[in-house]
Every structure is written in C-alpha cells, then in structure tokens.
Amino acid sequence: MKAIQSVKQPYLLLTPGPLSTSDAVKQAMLIDYCTWDEDYKKVTREVQQGILNVADLDEKYVAVLLQGSGSYGVESVISSVIPKEGKLLIAANGAYGKRMAEMADCYGIEHVDYLTKSTEIPKLEKIQVIIQENPDITHFAMVHCETTTGILNPIKTIVPWVADQEIVTIVDAMSSFGGIPIDFAATKIDFLISSANKCLQGVPGVTFVIADKDKLVATAGNARTLSLDLYDQYVVMSAQEGKWRFTSPTHVVHALHEALRELRVEGGVTARYERYRENQRLLSMGMHALGYLPVIDAKVQSPIITSFYYPNEDFDFNDFYLYLKHHGFVIYPGKLTELDTFRIGNIGEVYSEDIQKLLHTIAAYNQARVVL
C-alpha cells in the first residue's frame, strides 16, 4: 500500500466545529468499511465505551450513537424522551437553546421558555420560581456552552437542584463535552448530547447521547419519529452488539475512534481543557491589546469560542474575514442580531503558537488598513 501523504490545509479553522483535525483522524477515513462486519461493530462498541470513559461513567449509563449533526441528537432526545403528557422547561440564552423550543413546537410538546439575554446566564432563583408556578413540569433542558456568544452556563448549580425535584434533566453539551470537565455524579444529568466534531476533535456525521440507562428504558414508546427513536437505537445497538439500525457513517466512526485515542494520549479532558483555556486566554488578551473587546464577561466566558465587538463603525467584517482566510485562518461571523460581533474559536488542533500567529496577522491587518 502506498504511504498516505499529509494533506496541506489551506487554512486553520478557528470555529466551534467543524474544526481542524489531525492528520491521523483524516487518514482514518481513507479506508472503506462494511456496516455488518464484526470488526466494524467492534469499533462502534469501542467508541461507545470510549465516550463513557471520557465522562468517567460506569454501567449505569450508556452512550447511544446516531447518524447526523448535533442537532439530530438534540432532536432525538426532545422527540424521544418526553412523553405526550410531559411538559418541558427550557432555559435559553442563545440560538441553540431557542432551537430546542422550535423542536418542541414541531412535535406539539408543551413547554415553558425561560429566556435571558445572550450575554447573561440563567439564574437558578428564576428557574425555582418557574417550577413552583408550573408543578406539572416533567423535563428540563439547557445548553452548557452556548456558542452563539461563547458563554458558559452554570449547569453545576442549576441542574442538580432541578434533578432533586424529580424532573428529568437534559443538557446540550455539544461544544463542551471532551473539552470542559463535567462531573456527572454531582451534576445529576440524565441525558447529555454532544457531537464527534467538537471537543472530541473528530469530523461531522456522528452525534451521541449519554443517558442514564434506567431513564432511557423508561422512554420506550415515547418516540415521535422512526429514524430518531433514541430508545430503539439503544435496543438494536445493544442486542446486535454495535450494529446500527440504519446505514452508519462508517468513515466518520473510524475518525471518531482515532480522535478518542488522541484524547487519551493528550491526557484526557483535563489536559485538553487546559490547552483550550490557554488558547482562549492568549486570544482574549491579544485581541484586547489590538482594540477588539470581548462581548462576554470573563467570569462566564468559555474556553471554546469568544465573541468580539466590531472595533469601530467603519469595520468591514467581510474584508477582515477574507484577509484572515488569505493568510491561513477562518473565523466565524457573529450570531447576535442586536450587536455587531464576530467569533473566534480555539478548539481542535489549535495550539498557543497558532493563536500567536493569528494575533500577528490581525496586527498586520490593522496596520494595513490604517495605512490605506
């Protein structure tokens, strides 16, 4: 077999996913696999166990894999876990919390929405009042890291109290799982959703749900869809030892298998968290020095992605974006309709030297535009 050559990337993705991946992760996708093959089913089982290992969980929990983007995983939980007579409380301070409300609407699920500003975290005291006023609430959902802005929501203080009220808890940890330590025992999460192409540093195409096994079994018969039936996916994967119900993204699964290995080699979630946090610290300090102010207060800023205000009224984001892309970096536009912002992520195969190079490039952009 010919040696696999590394592919020179045209730019570094400074986004919250898809993100820049290692050569080894990309190379894992260069072989074709059969979904029925025992070797492939073994890889699926190892990926499931690897995800549980990342969360430091035992047999009380199960990791269910699903085809599709992270939103498929969230919709699978919303449409499969909540019974017809259920009532959902959603705490939302960004686009992805609001998306859960849209999903609930699609399935006719009764829900109460606690909406806060995109720059503010939800307050436990307000949630307590809402639940007291709505004693028929059966389920609660919130986003951990809301990539609309990069704010980190306080699941450690909110979710345990809600769980103690015998309410089923759902956490969208799309942009935090694998990159920010999460103590499942203390946080009392019943269903957590994430994706291969975020902090695990795989590629898009696989989403997964970590579920309390007893809580998942109790959802039998709730599903409102066929393909997104979370319970049935769990039953088939368990009974057939890694066989997916429908055609699985085999190449993506192998990439995730490699990505989980790389996470272990790096030192696990804690080591990756420290790398991300250092990336974000350098980015925030350097951007401030260059005249770009962060949108989110440092106390609630995640190490995943950072939103910045436009530096002045004449700032042309498209010009800025194209300049950075030409020099090897791709960033994100803002997702706030009421504010002029843009976002820079620092997860994936991104290291402190990459952040320093980005800052030098932005400094050069500033000087070039001043000269012009």
Protein backbone atom coordinates (compact mmCIF):
# COMPACT_ATOMS: atom_id res chain seq x y z
CA MET A 1 0.00 0.00 0.00
CA LYS A 2 1.25 3.47 -0.82
CA ALA A 3 2.19 5.64 2.12
CA ILE A 4 -0.52 8.15 2.95
CA GLN A 5 0.71 11.68 2.47
CA SER A 6 -0.32 14.50 4.76
CA VAL A 7 -2.59 16.97 3.05
CA LYS A 8 -1.56 20.60 3.35
CA GLN A 9 -4.52 22.50 4.70
CA PRO A 10 -5.35 25.84 3.05
CA TYR A 11 -6.31 27.36 6.40
CA LEU A 12 -6.80 26.69 10.10
CA LEU A 13 -10.41 26.53 11.25
CA LEU A 14 -10.89 28.79 14.27
CA THR A 15 -14.51 27.75 14.68
CA PRO A 16 -16.55 25.73 17.19
CA GLY A 17 -16.91 22.80 14.75
CA PRO A 18 -16.31 21.53 12.20
CA LEU A 19 -12.76 22.20 13.26
CA SER A 20 -9.21 21.46 12.23
CA THR A 21 -8.36 17.81 12.86
CA SER A 22 -5.12 15.85 12.99
CA ASP A 23 -3.68 14.02 10.00
CA ALA A 24 -4.32 10.72 11.79
CA VAL A 25 -8.03 11.49 12.19
CA LYS A 26 -8.29 12.33 8.50
CA GLN A 27 -6.31 9.24 7.50
CA ALA A 28 -8.69 7.02 9.48
CA MET A 29 -11.35 7.82 6.87
CA LEU A 30 -9.34 6.65 3.86
CA ILE A 31 -10.45 3.01 4.06
CA ASP A 32 -13.93 1.70 3.19
CA TYR A 33 -15.75 -0.41 5.80
CA CYS A 34 -18.79 -2.68 5.90
CA THR A 35 -21.52 -1.88 8.42
CA TRP A 36 -22.25 -5.56 9.11
CA ASP A 37 -18.63 -6.58 9.61
CA GLU A 38 -17.70 -7.77 13.10
CA ASP A 39 -14.53 -5.66 13.08
CA TYR A 40 -16.58 -2.53 12.41
CA LYS A 41 -19.15 -3.42 15.07
CA LYS A 42 -16.26 -3.82 17.50
CA VAL A 43 -15.07 -0.30 16.60
CA THR A 44 -18.60 1.01 17.29
CA ARG A 45 -18.61 -0.65 20.71
CA GLU A 46 -15.18 0.78 21.48
CA VAL A 47 -16.37 4.25 20.51
CA GLN A 48 -19.38 3.89 22.81
CA GLN A 49 -17.17 2.80 25.67
CA GLY A 50 -14.62 5.48 24.87
CA ILE A 51 -17.28 8.17 25.19
CA LEU A 52 -18.32 6.79 28.57
CA ASN A 53 -14.67 6.71 29.62
CA VAL A 54 -14.28 10.39 28.71
CA ALA A 55 -17.15 11.10 31.12
CA ASP A 56 -15.73 8.64 33.71
CA LEU A 57 -19.03 6.74 33.82
CA ASP A 58 -19.90 3.15 34.71
CA GLU A 59 -22.52 0.67 33.52
CA LYS A 60 -25.32 2.82 34.97
CA TYR A 61 -25.00 4.89 31.77
CA VAL A 62 -25.00 4.13 28.07
CA ALA A 63 -23.71 6.03 25.04
CA VAL A 64 -26.09 5.86 22.06
CA LEU A 65 -24.67 6.86 18.68
CA LEU A 66 -26.80 8.46 15.96
CA GLN A 67 -26.19 9.48 12.37
CA GLY A 68 -26.16 13.22 11.71
CA SER A 69 -25.19 16.56 13.17
CA GLY A 70 -25.52 17.58 16.78
CA SER A 71 -28.99 18.99 16.21
CA TYR A 72 -30.11 15.48 15.18
CA GLY A 73 -29.02 14.28 18.61
CA VAL A 74 -30.85 17.09 20.40
CA GLU A 75 -33.99 16.47 18.36
CA SER A 76 -33.74 12.74 19.06
CA VAL A 77 -33.81 13.44 22.79
CA ILE A 78 -36.56 16.06 22.62
CA SER A 79 -38.77 13.84 20.44
CA SER A 80 -38.00 10.52 22.18
CA VAL A 81 -37.62 11.27 25.88
CA ILE A 82 -40.62 13.48 26.66
CA PRO A 83 -43.98 11.63 26.78
CA LYS A 84 -47.20 13.01 25.32
CA GLU A 85 -48.32 14.24 28.73
CA GLY A 86 -44.89 15.72 29.54
CA LYS A 87 -44.04 19.39 29.96
CA LEU A 88 -40.62 20.85 29.22
CA LEU A 89 -38.86 23.84 30.77
CA ILE A 90 -36.14 25.29 28.55
CA ALA A 91 -33.54 27.78 29.82
CA ALA A 92 -32.18 29.59 26.78
CA ASN A 93 -29.74 32.44 26.23
CA GLY A 94 -28.83 31.86 22.60
CA ALA A 95 -29.75 30.30 19.29
CA TYR A 96 -29.21 26.70 20.37
CA GLY A 97 -31.43 26.92 23.44
CA LYS A 98 -34.11 28.52 21.28
CA ARG A 99 -33.70 25.71 18.75
CA MET A 100 -34.86 23.23 21.39
CA ALA A 101 -38.04 25.26 21.73
CA GLU A 102 -38.53 25.08 17.95
CA MET A 103 -38.15 21.30 18.12
CA ALA A 104 -40.70 21.07 20.92
CA ASP A 105 -43.11 23.12 18.80
CA CYS A 106 -42.66 20.74 15.87
CA TYR A 107 -43.74 17.78 18.00
CA GLY A 108 -46.51 19.53 19.89
CA ILE A 109 -44.66 19.27 23.20
CA GLU A 110 -45.90 21.68 25.85
CA HIS A 111 -43.04 23.85 27.02
CA VAL A 112 -42.19 26.90 29.11
CA ASP A 113 -39.29 29.04 27.92
CA TYR A 114 -37.07 30.98 30.31
CA LEU A 115 -35.23 33.36 28.00
CA THR A 116 -32.38 35.60 29.08
CA LYS A 117 -30.15 37.97 27.14
CA SER A 118 -27.38 36.33 25.13
CA THR A 119 -24.82 37.97 27.39
CA GLU A 120 -26.40 36.76 30.64
CA ILE A 121 -26.51 33.34 32.28
CA PRO A 122 -29.78 31.76 33.50
CA LYS A 123 -30.44 32.22 37.22
CA LEU A 124 -31.34 29.32 39.50
CA GLU A 125 -33.67 31.57 41.51
CA LYS A 126 -35.77 32.31 38.43
CA ILE A 127 -35.91 28.63 37.49
CA GLN A 128 -37.08 27.80 41.01
CA VAL A 129 -39.93 30.28 40.68
CA ILE A 130 -40.96 28.94 37.27
CA ILE A 131 -41.05 25.36 38.55
CA GLN A 132 -43.03 26.39 41.63
CA GLU A 133 -45.54 28.12 39.34
CA ASN A 134 -45.61 25.10 36.99
CA PRO A 135 -45.63 21.99 39.19
CA ASP A 136 -46.52 19.84 36.15
CA ILE A 137 -43.07 20.37 34.56
CA THR A 138 -41.55 16.93 33.95
CA HIS A 139 -38.38 17.73 31.96
CA PHE A 140 -35.76 20.46 31.92
CA ALA A 141 -33.27 21.35 29.16
CA MET A 142 -30.42 23.82 28.81
CA VAL A 143 -27.23 24.36 26.82
CA HIS A 144 -23.88 24.11 28.63
CA CYS A 145 -21.67 26.18 26.32
CA GLU A 146 -23.82 28.44 24.14
CA THR A 147 -21.74 29.06 21.04
CA THR A 148 -23.97 31.93 19.97
CA THR A 149 -21.63 34.00 22.12
CA GLY A 150 -19.27 31.60 23.89
CA ILE A 151 -20.95 31.99 27.27
CA LEU A 152 -20.64 29.08 29.72
CA ASN A 153 -23.88 28.34 31.53
CA PRO A 154 -23.86 27.17 35.17
CA ILE A 155 -25.09 23.59 34.86
CA LYS A 156 -23.30 22.69 38.12
CA THR A 157 -25.61 24.93 40.14
CA ILE A 158 -28.87 24.66 38.17
CA VAL A 159 -29.17 21.03 37.01
CA PRO A 160 -28.68 19.29 40.41
CA TRP A 161 -31.44 21.35 42.03
CA VAL A 162 -33.80 20.62 39.14
CA ALA A 163 -32.98 16.89 39.30
CA ASP A 164 -33.75 16.90 43.01
CA GLN A 165 -37.31 17.96 42.12
CA GLU A 166 -37.67 14.61 40.28
CA ILE A 167 -37.52 16.37 36.92
CA VAL A 168 -35.65 14.64 34.07
CA THR A 169 -32.62 16.72 33.06
CA ILE A 170 -31.32 17.26 29.51
CA VAL A 171 -28.05 19.05 28.76
CA ASP A 172 -26.84 20.10 25.32
CA ALA A 173 -23.08 19.76 25.81
CA MET A 174 -22.36 19.98 22.10
CA SER A 175 -19.49 22.44 22.45
CA SER A 176 -18.18 21.40 25.85
CA PHE A 177 -18.06 17.60 26.16
CA GLY A 178 -14.49 16.41 25.95
CA GLY A 179 -13.09 19.92 26.36
CA ILE A 180 -14.52 21.00 29.72
CA PRO A 181 -14.65 18.62 32.72
CA ILE A 182 -18.20 17.60 33.64
CA ASP A 183 -18.89 15.78 36.90
CA PHE A 184 -21.91 13.62 36.05
CA ALA A 185 -22.45 12.36 39.60
CA ALA A 186 -22.53 15.86 41.06
CA THR A 187 -24.41 17.46 38.19
CA LYS A 188 -27.12 14.76 38.00
CA ILE A 189 -27.54 14.86 34.22
CA ASP A 190 -29.96 12.26 32.85
CA PHE A 191 -29.40 12.90 29.12
CA LEU A 192 -26.35 14.67 27.66
CA ILE A 193 -26.00 15.31 23.92
CA SER A 194 -22.78 16.04 22.07
CA SER A 195 -21.11 15.52 18.71
CA ALA A 196 -17.97 14.00 17.20
CA ASN A 197 -16.83 17.23 15.54
CA LYS A 198 -16.47 19.45 18.59
CA CYS A 199 -14.12 18.99 21.53
CA LEU A 200 -13.54 15.32 20.74
CA GLN A 201 -11.87 16.63 17.56
CA GLY A 202 -13.47 14.18 15.14
CA VAL A 203 -15.35 15.07 11.96
CA PRO A 204 -19.06 15.82 11.34
CA GLY A 205 -21.53 12.99 10.89
CA VAL A 206 -21.97 11.34 14.32
CA THR A 207 -23.89 12.70 17.27
CA PHE A 208 -24.34 10.81 20.53
CA VAL A 209 -26.40 10.77 23.71
CA ILE A 210 -25.07 9.74 27.09
CA ALA A 211 -28.08 8.53 29.06
CA ASP A 212 -28.90 7.18 32.46
CA LYS A 213 -29.84 3.66 31.40
CA ASP A 214 -32.91 3.40 33.64
CA LYS A 215 -34.19 6.78 32.49
CA LEU A 216 -33.66 5.76 28.86
CA VAL A 217 -35.51 2.45 29.26
CA ALA A 218 -38.43 4.38 30.77
CA THR A 219 -38.84 6.28 27.46
CA ALA A 220 -39.92 3.19 25.48
CA GLY A 221 -42.87 4.11 23.28
CA ASN A 222 -42.39 7.89 23.54
CA ALA A 223 -40.66 8.43 20.19
CA ARG A 224 -42.47 10.56 17.63
CA THR A 225 -40.14 9.61 14.75
CA LEU A 226 -38.66 6.43 13.33
CA SER A 227 -35.08 7.40 12.48
CA LEU A 228 -34.56 9.48 15.64
CA ASP A 229 -36.05 6.93 18.06
CA LEU A 230 -33.38 7.03 20.76
CA TYR A 231 -34.70 4.05 22.72
CA ASP A 232 -34.93 1.82 19.65
CA GLN A 233 -31.42 2.83 18.58
CA TYR A 234 -30.19 1.79 22.02
CA VAL A 235 -32.04 -1.53 21.92
CA VAL A 236 -30.75 -2.52 18.48
CA MET A 237 -27.16 -1.45 19.19
CA SER A 238 -27.19 -3.41 22.45
CA ALA A 239 -28.86 -6.54 21.11
CA GLN A 240 -26.72 -6.69 17.97
CA GLU A 241 -23.50 -5.59 19.71
CA GLY A 242 -22.69 -2.48 17.75
CA LYS A 243 -24.98 -2.80 14.73
CA TRP A 244 -26.70 0.45 13.78
CA ARG A 245 -30.39 0.35 12.79
CA PHE A 246 -29.74 2.15 9.52
CA THR A 247 -26.63 2.75 7.40
CA SER A 248 -24.00 4.30 9.63
CA PRO A 249 -21.30 6.84 8.65
CA THR A 250 -18.53 4.25 8.78
CA HIS A 251 -15.67 6.59 7.87
CA VAL A 252 -16.76 9.13 10.47
CA VAL A 253 -16.99 6.44 13.16
CA HIS A 254 -13.40 5.38 12.46
CA ALA A 255 -12.29 9.01 12.61
CA LEU A 256 -14.00 9.34 16.00
CA HIS A 257 -12.30 6.14 17.16
CA GLU A 258 -8.93 7.71 16.35
CA ALA A 259 -9.93 11.05 17.89
CA LEU A 260 -10.82 9.34 21.17
CA ARG A 261 -7.40 7.66 21.15
CA GLU A 262 -5.74 11.04 20.65
CA LEU A 263 -7.70 12.50 23.55
CA ARG A 264 -6.37 9.75 25.81
CA VAL A 265 -2.82 10.36 24.60
CA GLU A 266 -3.15 14.09 25.24
CA GLY A 267 -4.02 13.37 28.87
CA GLY A 268 -7.79 13.32 28.84
CA VAL A 269 -10.34 16.07 29.32
CA THR A 270 -8.36 17.96 31.94
CA ALA A 271 -5.29 18.31 29.70
CA ARG A 272 -7.38 19.35 26.71
CA TYR A 273 -9.29 21.84 28.85
CA GLU A 274 -6.03 23.45 29.95
CA ARG A 275 -4.88 23.75 26.31
CA TYR A 276 -8.17 25.31 25.25
CA ARG A 277 -8.15 27.64 28.23
CA GLU A 278 -4.63 28.83 27.46
CA ASN A 279 -5.62 29.38 23.82
CA GLN A 280 -8.57 31.48 24.91
CA ARG A 281 -6.50 33.45 27.44
CA LEU A 282 -3.90 34.36 24.82
CA LEU A 283 -6.62 35.21 22.31
CA SER A 284 -8.57 37.44 24.68
CA MET A 285 -5.51 39.31 25.93
CA GLY A 286 -4.05 39.75 22.45
CA MET A 287 -7.31 40.90 20.87
CA HIS A 288 -7.88 43.41 23.67
CA ALA A 289 -4.44 44.87 23.02
CA LEU A 290 -5.33 45.17 19.33
CA GLY A 291 -8.56 47.05 20.06
CA TYR A 292 -11.10 44.21 19.87
CA LEU A 293 -13.20 43.93 23.03
CA PRO A 294 -14.93 40.72 24.14
CA VAL A 295 -18.71 40.55 24.37
CA ILE A 296 -18.92 38.15 27.32
CA ASP A 297 -17.72 38.88 30.84
CA ALA A 298 -14.57 36.91 31.66
CA LYS A 299 -16.31 35.27 34.65
CA VAL A 300 -18.70 33.35 32.37
CA GLN A 301 -16.55 33.14 29.22
CA SER A 302 -15.99 29.60 27.97
CA PRO A 303 -12.63 28.38 26.61
CA ILE A 304 -14.37 27.26 23.41
CA ILE A 305 -15.23 30.34 21.33
CA THR A 306 -15.07 34.08 22.00
CA SER A 307 -17.27 36.84 20.60
CA PHE A 308 -15.75 40.27 19.89
CA TYR A 309 -17.36 43.61 19.15
CA TYR A 310 -16.52 45.35 15.90
CA PRO A 311 -13.72 47.82 16.80
CA ASN A 312 -15.44 50.79 15.14
CA GLU A 313 -18.33 51.77 12.86
CA ASP A 314 -16.14 51.55 9.75
CA PHE A 315 -15.08 47.97 10.40
CA ASP A 316 -15.76 45.71 7.39
CA PHE A 317 -16.12 42.14 8.61
CA ASN A 318 -16.10 40.63 5.13
CA ASP A 319 -12.82 42.40 4.33
CA PHE A 320 -11.39 41.24 7.68
CA TYR A 321 -12.59 37.66 7.10
CA LEU A 322 -11.10 37.44 3.60
CA TYR A 323 -7.79 38.90 4.76
CA LEU A 324 -7.50 36.29 7.54
CA LYS A 325 -8.56 33.49 5.19
CA HIS A 326 -5.92 34.55 2.67
CA HIS A 327 -3.35 34.36 5.46
CA GLY A 328 -4.44 30.91 6.67
CA PHE A 329 -7.24 31.44 9.22
CA VAL A 330 -11.01 31.03 9.02
CA ILE A 331 -13.21 32.57 11.74
CA TYR A 332 -16.98 32.88 12.32
CA PRO A 333 -19.34 35.80 11.79
CA GLY A 334 -21.42 36.89 14.76
CA LYS A 335 -24.75 35.25 15.59
CA LEU A 336 -26.24 38.16 17.53
CA THR A 337 -28.81 40.16 15.61
CA GLU A 338 -28.77 43.09 18.02
CA LEU A 339 -24.97 43.54 18.14
CA ASP A 340 -22.19 43.81 15.56
CA THR A 341 -19.87 40.97 16.52
CA PHE A 342 -17.69 38.19 15.17
CA ARG A 343 -16.43 35.00 16.79
CA ILE A 344 -13.11 33.20 17.02
CA GLY A 345 -12.88 29.60 18.21
CA ASN A 346 -9.82 27.94 19.65
CA ILE A 347 -10.69 24.26 19.84
CA GLY A 348 -9.49 21.43 17.60
CA GLU A 349 -5.89 21.01 16.52
CA VAL A 350 -5.11 24.54 17.65
CA TYR A 351 -2.21 25.45 19.92
CA SER A 352 -0.78 28.58 21.52
CA GLU A 353 1.59 29.17 18.60
CA ASP A 354 -1.42 29.21 16.25
CA ILE A 355 -3.09 31.87 18.37
CA GLN A 356 0.10 33.94 18.35
CA LYS A 357 0.29 33.71 14.55
CA LEU A 358 -3.34 34.79 14.29
CA LEU A 359 -2.69 37.82 16.51
CA HIS A 360 0.31 38.82 14.41
CA THR A 361 -1.87 38.55 11.31
CA ILE A 362 -4.59 40.72 12.83
CA ALA A 363 -1.98 43.27 13.91
CA ALA A 364 -0.77 43.39 10.30
CA TYR A 365 -4.35 43.82 9.11
CA ASN A 366 -4.86 46.74 11.48
CA GLN A 367 -1.69 48.43 10.30
CA ALA A 368 -2.51 47.85 6.63
CA ARG A 369 -5.97 49.35 6.99
CA VAL A 370 -4.63 52.35 8.89
CA VAL A 371 -2.08 52.94 6.13
CA LEU A 372 -4.80 52.67 3.50
